[in-house]
Protein backbone atom coordinates (compact mmCIF):
# COMPACT_ATOMS: atom_id res chain seq x y z
CA UNK A 1 -11.14 25.00 -0.12
CA UNK A 2 -8.15 22.89 -0.15
CA UNK A 3 -9.92 19.49 0.66
CA UNK A 4 -12.16 20.02 -2.55
CA UNK A 5 -9.05 20.64 -4.66
CA UNK A 6 -7.58 17.28 -3.26
CA UNK A 7 -10.78 15.30 -4.09
CA UNK A 8 -11.27 17.01 -7.15
CA UNK A 9 -7.94 15.44 -8.40
CA UNK A 10 -9.83 11.90 -8.63
CA UNK A 11 -12.69 12.64 -10.59
CA UNK A 12 -11.60 16.07 -12.61
CA UNK A 13 -7.78 16.23 -12.59
CA UNK A 14 -7.49 18.67 -15.42
CA UNK A 15 -9.42 21.25 -13.57
CA UNK A 16 -7.86 20.45 -10.09
CA UNK A 17 -4.34 20.78 -11.53
CA UNK A 18 -4.87 23.88 -13.03
CA UNK A 19 -5.89 25.40 -9.80
CA UNK A 20 -3.25 23.84 -8.00
CA UNK A 21 -0.45 24.69 -10.63
CA UNK A 22 -1.77 28.49 -10.49
CA UNK A 23 -1.54 28.61 -6.93
CA UNK A 24 0.50 25.63 -5.38
CA UNK A 25 -0.74 24.93 -1.77
CA UNK A 26 1.36 23.20 1.04
CA UNK A 27 -1.71 22.76 2.97
CA UNK A 28 -3.17 20.64 0.38
CA UNK A 29 0.04 18.39 -0.21
CA UNK A 30 0.31 17.94 3.57
CA UNK A 31 -3.36 16.80 3.60
CA UNK A 32 -2.72 14.29 1.04
CA UNK A 33 0.59 13.11 2.75
CA UNK A 34 -1.33 12.40 5.87
CA UNK A 35 -3.90 10.41 4.13
CA UNK A 36 -1.29 8.31 2.25
CA UNK A 37 0.63 7.52 5.27
CA UNK A 38 -2.68 7.02 7.41
CA UNK A 39 -3.69 4.40 4.58
CA UNK A 40 -0.43 2.83 4.31
CA UNK A 41 -0.37 2.29 8.20
CA UNK A 42 -3.95 0.65 7.80
CA UNK A 43 -2.62 -1.48 4.96
CA UNK A 44 0.44 -2.69 6.68
CA UNK A 45 -1.67 -3.36 9.95
CA UNK A 46 -4.04 -5.46 7.94
CA UNK A 47 -1.29 -7.08 6.10
CA UNK A 48 0.74 -8.35 9.08
CA UNK A 49 -2.61 -9.22 10.95
CA UNK A 50 -3.20 -11.80 8.34
CA UNK A 51 0.43 -13.30 8.98
CA UNK A 52 1.55 -15.64 11.91
CA UNK A 53 5.49 -15.99 12.19
CA UNK A 54 7.20 -18.93 13.65
CA UNK A 55 8.67 -18.06 16.93
CA UNK A 56 11.20 -20.75 18.42
CA UNK A 57 12.82 -21.58 21.71
CA UNK A 58 15.59 -21.74 21.66
CA UNK A 59 16.02 -19.00 18.64
CA UNK A 60 18.51 -21.39 17.01
CA UNK A 61 19.50 -24.72 17.21
CA UNK A 62 21.27 -24.14 20.75
CA UNK A 63 20.17 -27.21 22.81
CA UNK A 64 21.84 -29.84 20.55
CA UNK A 65 25.01 -27.69 19.81
CA UNK A 66 26.51 -28.07 23.41
CA UNK A 67 25.97 -30.78 26.16
CA UNK A 68 25.84 -27.73 28.82
CA UNK A 69 25.09 -24.19 28.10
CA UNK A 70 21.99 -22.83 30.14
CA UNK A 71 21.13 -26.45 29.93
CA UNK A 72 22.32 -29.80 30.66
CA UNK A 73 22.19 -33.29 28.78
CA UNK A 74 22.05 -36.78 30.58
CA UNK A 75 21.84 -40.23 29.52
CA UNK A 76 21.91 -43.87 30.57
CA UNK A 77 25.13 -43.80 28.41
CA UNK A 78 27.56 -41.34 27.77
CA UNK A 79 26.06 -38.17 25.85
CA UNK A 80 28.39 -36.76 23.18
CA UNK A 81 28.09 -34.22 20.10
CA UNK A 82 28.08 -36.06 16.93
CA UNK A 83 29.54 -33.44 14.40
CA UNK A 84 29.31 -36.14 11.43
CA UNK A 85 25.57 -36.95 11.58
CA UNK A 86 23.03 -34.13 12.22
CA UNK A 87 19.89 -32.56 10.59
CA UNK A 88 20.29 -28.93 11.60
CA UNK A 89 22.81 -26.61 12.77
CA UNK A 90 23.67 -22.92 13.50
CA UNK A 91 26.30 -20.40 13.37
CA UNK A 92 28.01 -22.07 16.30
CA UNK A 93 28.50 -25.41 14.54
CA UNK A 94 26.71 -28.44 13.29
CA UNK A 95 25.78 -31.11 15.76
CA UNK A 96 23.39 -33.64 17.10
CA UNK A 97 23.47 -34.99 20.85
CA UNK A 98 23.93 -38.69 20.82
CA UNK A 99 24.48 -41.53 23.18
CA UNK A 100 25.23 -45.47 23.17
CA UNK A 101 24.50 -48.10 25.23
CA UNK A 102 25.83 -51.59 25.10
CA UNK A 103 23.68 -54.76 25.69
CA UNK A 104 20.84 -52.83 27.07
CA UNK A 105 17.12 -53.08 26.43
CA UNK A 106 16.40 -49.34 26.67
CA UNK A 107 18.09 -45.88 26.11
CA UNK A 108 17.18 -42.64 26.89
CA UNK A 109 18.51 -38.65 26.58
CA UNK A 110 17.52 -36.25 29.07
CA UNK A 111 17.61 -32.45 28.38
CA UNK A 112 17.25 -30.55 31.94
CA UNK A 113 17.86 -26.98 33.43
CA UNK A 114 16.66 -24.79 30.60
CA UNK A 115 13.28 -23.63 32.15
CA UNK A 116 10.69 -22.51 32.52
CA UNK A 117 9.12 -22.86 29.22
CA UNK A 118 5.59 -21.71 29.40
CA UNK A 119 3.35 -24.05 27.34
CA UNK A 120 0.06 -22.80 28.48
CA UNK A 121 -3.01 -22.47 26.16
CA UNK A 122 -3.04 -18.59 26.61
CA UNK A 123 0.19 -17.20 25.10
CA UNK A 124 2.73 -20.14 25.48
CA UNK A 125 4.46 -22.27 22.94
CA UNK A 126 2.21 -24.98 21.43
CA UNK A 127 4.43 -27.31 19.74
CA UNK A 128 7.59 -29.24 20.32
CA UNK A 129 9.69 -30.22 17.21
CA UNK A 130 12.50 -32.60 17.13
CA UNK A 131 14.55 -34.60 14.92
CA UNK A 132 15.19 -38.25 16.39
CA UNK A 133 17.34 -41.29 15.15
CA UNK A 134 18.10 -44.56 16.74
CA UNK A 135 20.26 -47.43 15.76
CA UNK A 136 19.62 -50.82 16.85
CA UNK A 137 22.37 -53.32 16.00
CA UNK A 138 19.67 -56.18 15.81
CA UNK A 139 17.52 -53.86 13.54
CA UNK A 140 14.37 -54.57 15.58
CA UNK A 141 11.54 -52.00 16.12
CA UNK A 142 11.09 -50.42 19.61
CA UNK A 143 8.19 -52.08 21.69
CA UNK A 144 7.38 -48.61 23.17
CA UNK A 145 8.67 -45.34 23.42
CA UNK A 146 8.16 -42.21 25.39
CA UNK A 147 8.74 -38.23 25.70
CA UNK A 148 8.44 -36.69 28.95
CA UNK A 149 7.91 -33.03 29.91
CA UNK A 150 9.13 -32.29 33.21
CA UNK A 151 7.83 -29.64 35.27
CA UNK A 152 9.93 -28.74 38.44
CA UNK A 153 11.12 -32.18 39.24
CA UNK A 154 11.74 -35.53 37.43
CA UNK A 155 8.57 -36.90 39.63
CA UNK A 156 6.42 -34.22 38.16
CA UNK A 157 5.82 -34.56 34.39
CA UNK A 158 3.57 -34.99 31.25
CA UNK A 159 4.16 -37.81 29.05
CA UNK A 160 3.37 -38.91 25.44
CA UNK A 161 4.10 -42.07 23.21
CA UNK A 162 6.55 -41.52 20.45
CA UNK A 163 7.03 -45.15 19.15
CA UNK A 164 5.31 -44.37 15.95
CA UNK A 165 7.97 -41.44 15.21
CA UNK A 166 11.47 -43.64 14.94
CA UNK A 167 10.41 -45.68 11.89
CA UNK A 168 13.45 -47.81 11.44
CA UNK A 169 16.89 -48.11 12.55
CA UNK A 170 19.43 -45.95 11.14
CA UNK A 171 16.96 -43.17 9.86
CA UNK A 172 16.43 -39.74 11.23
CA UNK A 173 12.93 -38.84 11.38
CA UNK A 174 11.17 -35.48 12.42
CA UNK A 175 8.06 -34.70 14.47
CA UNK A 176 5.91 -32.08 15.59
CA UNK A 177 4.09 -32.79 18.86
CA UNK A 178 1.36 -30.49 20.06
CA UNK A 179 1.94 -29.54 23.50
CA UNK A 180 -0.49 -27.80 26.10
CA UNK A 181 -3.61 -28.66 28.58
CA UNK A 182 -5.96 -29.17 25.32
CA UNK A 183 -3.37 -32.09 24.14
CA UNK A 184 -3.68 -35.76 24.87
CA UNK A 185 -0.51 -35.86 27.34
CA UNK A 186 -0.92 -38.22 30.48
CA UNK A 187 0.07 -36.16 33.81
CA UNK A 188 2.10 -37.60 36.50
CA UNK A 189 2.45 -35.67 39.80
CA UNK A 190 1.24 -32.15 39.45
CA UNK A 191 2.93 -30.77 36.44
CA UNK A 192 2.18 -27.19 35.13
CA UNK A 193 2.08 -26.30 31.41
CA UNK A 194 3.42 -22.87 32.46
CA UNK A 195 6.77 -24.12 33.91
CA UNK A 196 8.33 -26.74 31.66
CA UNK A 197 11.89 -27.48 32.76
CA UNK A 198 12.98 -30.72 31.15
CA UNK A 199 12.66 -33.27 28.33
CA UNK A 200 13.36 -36.86 27.85
CA UNK A 201 13.23 -39.26 24.98
CA UNK A 202 13.19 -42.69 25.89
CA UNK A 203 13.08 -46.12 23.70
CA UNK A 204 12.41 -49.58 25.01
CA UNK A 205 13.17 -53.00 23.12
CA UNK A 206 12.29 -56.37 24.18
CA UNK A 207 15.75 -57.96 23.77
CA UNK A 208 19.11 -56.51 25.04
CA UNK A 209 21.61 -55.01 22.30
CA UNK A 210 23.83 -52.30 21.58
CA UNK A 211 21.78 -49.11 20.98
CA UNK A 212 22.37 -45.57 19.97
CA UNK A 213 20.14 -42.63 19.94
CA UNK A 214 20.50 -39.34 18.50
CA UNK A 215 18.33 -35.93 18.85
CA UNK A 216 18.79 -32.68 16.64
CA UNK A 217 16.98 -29.55 15.88
CA UNK A 218 15.01 -29.63 19.42
CA UNK A 219 12.79 -26.53 20.04
CA UNK A 220 9.49 -25.44 21.27
CA UNK A 221 7.54 -23.25 18.79
CA UNK A 222 4.54 -21.42 18.08
CA UNK A 223 3.14 -18.76 15.78
CA UNK A 224 2.40 -15.11 16.62
CA UNK A 225 1.53 -12.23 14.49
CA UNK A 226 3.95 -9.22 14.61
CA UNK A 227 1.45 -7.18 16.06
CA UNK A 228 1.11 -9.39 19.11
CA UNK A 229 4.83 -10.08 19.51
CA UNK A 230 5.73 -6.19 19.74
CA UNK A 231 2.43 -5.15 21.47
CA UNK A 232 -0.31 -3.07 20.03
CA UNK A 233 1.43 0.32 20.77
CA UNK A 234 4.73 -0.65 19.78
CA UNK A 235 3.62 -1.97 16.84
CA UNK A 236 1.60 0.69 15.68
CA UNK A 237 4.55 3.25 16.26
CA UNK A 238 6.65 1.22 14.22
CA UNK A 239 4.09 0.93 11.32
CA UNK A 240 3.80 4.68 11.46
CA UNK A 241 7.56 5.15 11.33
CA UNK A 242 8.52 2.83 8.45
CA UNK A 243 5.03 4.10 6.64
CA UNK A 244 6.12 7.89 6.85
CA UNK A 245 9.61 6.82 5.60
CA UNK A 246 8.18 4.87 2.84
CA UNK A 247 5.69 7.18 1.54
CA UNK A 248 8.33 10.17 1.86
CA UNK A 249 10.86 8.39 -0.16
CA UNK A 250 8.29 7.45 -2.81
CA UNK A 251 7.20 10.96 -3.10
CA UNK A 252 10.84 12.20 -3.35
CA UNK A 253 11.88 9.37 -5.71
CA UNK A 254 8.78 9.85 -8.07
CA UNK A 255 9.15 13.57 -8.27
CA UNK A 256 12.76 13.11 -8.90
CA UNK A 257 12.57 10.56 -11.92
CA UNK A 258 9.91 12.69 -13.33
CA UNK A 259 11.75 16.05 -13.13
CA UNK A 260 15.04 14.50 -14.53
CA UNK A 261 13.25 12.58 -17.48
CA UNK A 262 11.15 15.94 -18.33
CA UNK A 263 14.65 17.70 -18.62
CA UNK A 264 16.00 14.85 -20.86
CA UNK A 265 12.96 15.41 -23.06
CA UNK A 266 13.97 19.16 -23.35
CA UNK A 267 11.28 20.64 -20.77
CA UNK A 268 12.03 22.68 -17.79
CA UNK A 269 9.63 22.09 -15.12
CA UNK A 270 10.77 25.36 -13.20
CA UNK A 271 11.54 25.27 -9.46
CA UNK A 272 11.81 21.72 -8.12
CA UNK A 273 10.08 22.66 -4.61
CA UNK A 274 6.93 24.18 -6.44
CA UNK A 275 6.79 20.92 -8.82
CA UNK A 276 7.51 18.82 -5.83
CA UNK A 277 4.25 20.20 -3.88
CA UNK A 278 2.31 20.18 -7.26
CA UNK A 279 3.02 16.67 -8.12
CA UNK A 280 2.17 15.51 -4.31
CA UNK A 281 -1.23 16.07 -4.73
CA UNK A 282 -1.53 13.35 -7.27
CA UNK A 283 -0.49 10.87 -4.62
CA UNK A 284 -4.41 11.21 -3.17
CA UNK A 285 -4.80 7.93 -5.67
CA UNK A 286 -2.23 6.03 -3.93
CA UNK A 287 -4.27 6.75 -0.61
CA UNK A 288 -7.49 5.46 -2.28
CA UNK A 289 -6.07 2.56 -3.50
CA UNK A 290 -4.03 1.34 -0.81
CA UNK A 291 -7.30 1.78 1.53
CA UNK A 292 -9.08 -0.58 -1.20
CA UNK A 293 -6.47 -2.95 -1.31
CA UNK A 294 -6.57 -3.11 2.70
CA UNK A 295 -10.14 -3.72 2.59
CA UNK A 296 -9.55 -6.60 -0.12
CA UNK A 297 -6.76 -8.28 1.86
CA UNK A 298 -8.55 -8.22 5.22
CA UNK A 299 -10.57 -11.17 3.77
CA UNK A 300 -7.24 -13.44 3.03
CA UNK A 301 -6.82 -16.62 5.23
CA UNK A 302 -4.33 -16.32 8.03
CA UNK A 303 -1.08 -17.89 7.02
CA UNK A 304 1.63 -19.47 9.48
CA UNK A 305 5.04 -18.52 8.27
CA UNK A 306 8.31 -20.65 8.88
CA UNK A 307 11.65 -18.87 9.65
CA UNK A 308 13.25 -19.67 6.42
CA UNK A 309 12.29 -16.78 3.87
CA UNK A 310 12.39 -19.20 0.78
CA UNK A 311 9.63 -21.24 2.55
CA UNK A 312 7.93 -18.13 3.55
CA UNK A 313 7.36 -17.22 -0.20
CA UNK A 314 6.41 -20.75 -1.13
CA UNK A 315 3.64 -20.55 1.95
CA UNK A 316 2.23 -17.29 0.50
CA UNK A 317 2.33 -18.67 -3.19
CA UNK A 318 0.30 -21.62 -2.23
CA UNK A 319 -2.29 -20.03 0.41
CA UNK A 320 -2.62 -16.64 -0.82
CA UNK A 321 -1.62 -16.34 -4.54
CA UNK A 322 -4.79 -18.64 -5.97
CA UNK A 323 -7.30 -16.27 -3.80
CA UNK A 324 -9.46 -13.69 -5.73
CA UNK A 325 -8.53 -11.11 -2.89
CA UNK A 326 -4.71 -11.38 -3.06
CA UNK A 327 -5.07 -11.09 -7.07
CA UNK A 328 -7.51 -8.32 -6.93
CA UNK A 329 -5.62 -6.41 -4.14
CA UNK A 330 -2.42 -6.93 -6.14
CA UNK A 331 -4.10 -5.37 -8.97
CA UNK A 332 -5.65 -2.34 -7.41
CA UNK A 333 -2.33 -1.54 -6.06
CA UNK A 334 -0.49 -1.82 -9.52
CA UNK A 335 -3.59 0.37 -10.81
CA UNK A 336 -3.01 2.99 -8.37
CA UNK A 337 0.52 3.35 -9.79
CA UNK A 338 -0.41 3.52 -13.24
CA UNK A 339 -3.09 5.98 -12.14
CA UNK A 340 -0.38 8.19 -10.49
CA UNK A 341 1.73 8.28 -13.73
CA UNK A 342 -1.21 9.21 -15.78
CA UNK A 343 -1.98 12.23 -13.50
CA UNK A 344 1.86 13.06 -13.70
CA UNK A 345 1.22 13.15 -17.32
CA UNK A 346 -1.62 15.59 -16.88
CA UNK A 347 0.50 17.84 -14.66
CA UNK A 348 3.64 17.88 -17.04
CA UNK A 349 0.81 18.84 -20.15
CA UNK A 350 -0.56 21.62 -17.98
CA UNK A 351 2.52 23.17 -16.63
CA UNK A 352 4.36 23.18 -20.38
CA UNK A 353 1.67 23.40 -22.41
CA UNK A 354 2.92 20.44 -24.58
CA UNK A 355 1.02 17.77 -26.59
CA UNK A 356 -0.83 14.99 -24.74
CA UNK A 357 1.47 12.45 -26.44
CA UNK A 358 4.76 13.82 -25.34
CA UNK A 359 3.45 14.56 -21.71
CA UNK A 360 2.20 10.60 -21.85
CA UNK A 361 5.63 9.47 -23.08
CA UNK A 362 7.52 11.35 -20.20
CA UNK A 363 5.52 9.95 -17.54
CA UNK A 364 5.70 6.25 -19.32
CA UNK A 365 9.44 6.81 -19.36
CA UNK A 366 9.45 7.87 -15.63
CA UNK A 367 7.19 4.94 -14.73
CA UNK A 368 9.61 2.36 -16.32
CA UNK A 369 12.23 3.73 -14.68
CA UNK A 370 10.81 3.74 -11.25
CA UNK A 371 9.62 0.00 -12.09
CA UNK A 372 13.09 -0.93 -12.87
CA UNK A 373 14.45 1.01 -9.62
CA UNK A 374 12.09 -0.99 -7.45
CA UNK A 375 12.61 -4.36 -9.10
CA UNK A 376 16.43 -4.09 -8.65
CA UNK A 377 16.65 -2.23 -5.10
CA UNK A 378 13.40 -2.60 -3.65
């Protein structure tokens, strides 16, 4: 039976491959292919479900790169773009939004006409990030500061104090405020967390002086898993397509490398298509190891990953790398690759009736070539 020979590869590879080499069966290798793809889909689902990616609105730094562009800035001074003093930027330019007033006790910057933005607890954004800087010619600290989130009109808003964030005159400070109905914002009027339409930064001093305020890197954000972002059906389709492509390419690449390396050692494996089918049966070990790794990775803590790739790697190294589950799962995956190479040595030995030493050397060289290719081209 086809299924019996496939399973037999795991515990009695010499006996199994003698049968497979004698009569290569396309049904057997198709069964293995289905199992490997299915295990890869399961692994990718588990892996992606343990990751939450940062989702921003706006996607770039657009709100502080223009005074008007599907949004509008206003102030009690004259708002302008500062291209010399900023913290973040995008491909369109590097600016902060700034405003200055003369001999005043307060200064404010207000962003409107960008919404509505959903900040509800269900599926809305749950954080507001920004950089802020103030300059007081007298270098005194503000007596109070507030941040308002407007909802529909300027008479309907949520308010929070921000006095503690701008620490001293002339210094940039970043802040992340939690937003939503479960946070300690003071409502005024009838604001709705599902419809945020404006933001106001306001700082107040006891004595009048010349004041400047600058804001940069302003955006709402939350963290969502790739599965949630795409929707379950679309995510599963995407995982299936990517897994099928990855498995097919790995199968073709491994068979091709083995075929070429064996020729370089003076041995001819015969017809390519027959060898391709035979060696495909060895990939059953990849299915097994991938499933075990998926089970192991399911115990990993969920990580929240920023947009920057280098920071993503840093977070994974900090949160996942020290865990037994991550180390064990990674070891199992590499164990599967070594197991595949060992089974390939069995196949070459049985097909050409060469020594175990030569067959093992061919498989080891092929493994090294494949490792280098994956290291440099992914």
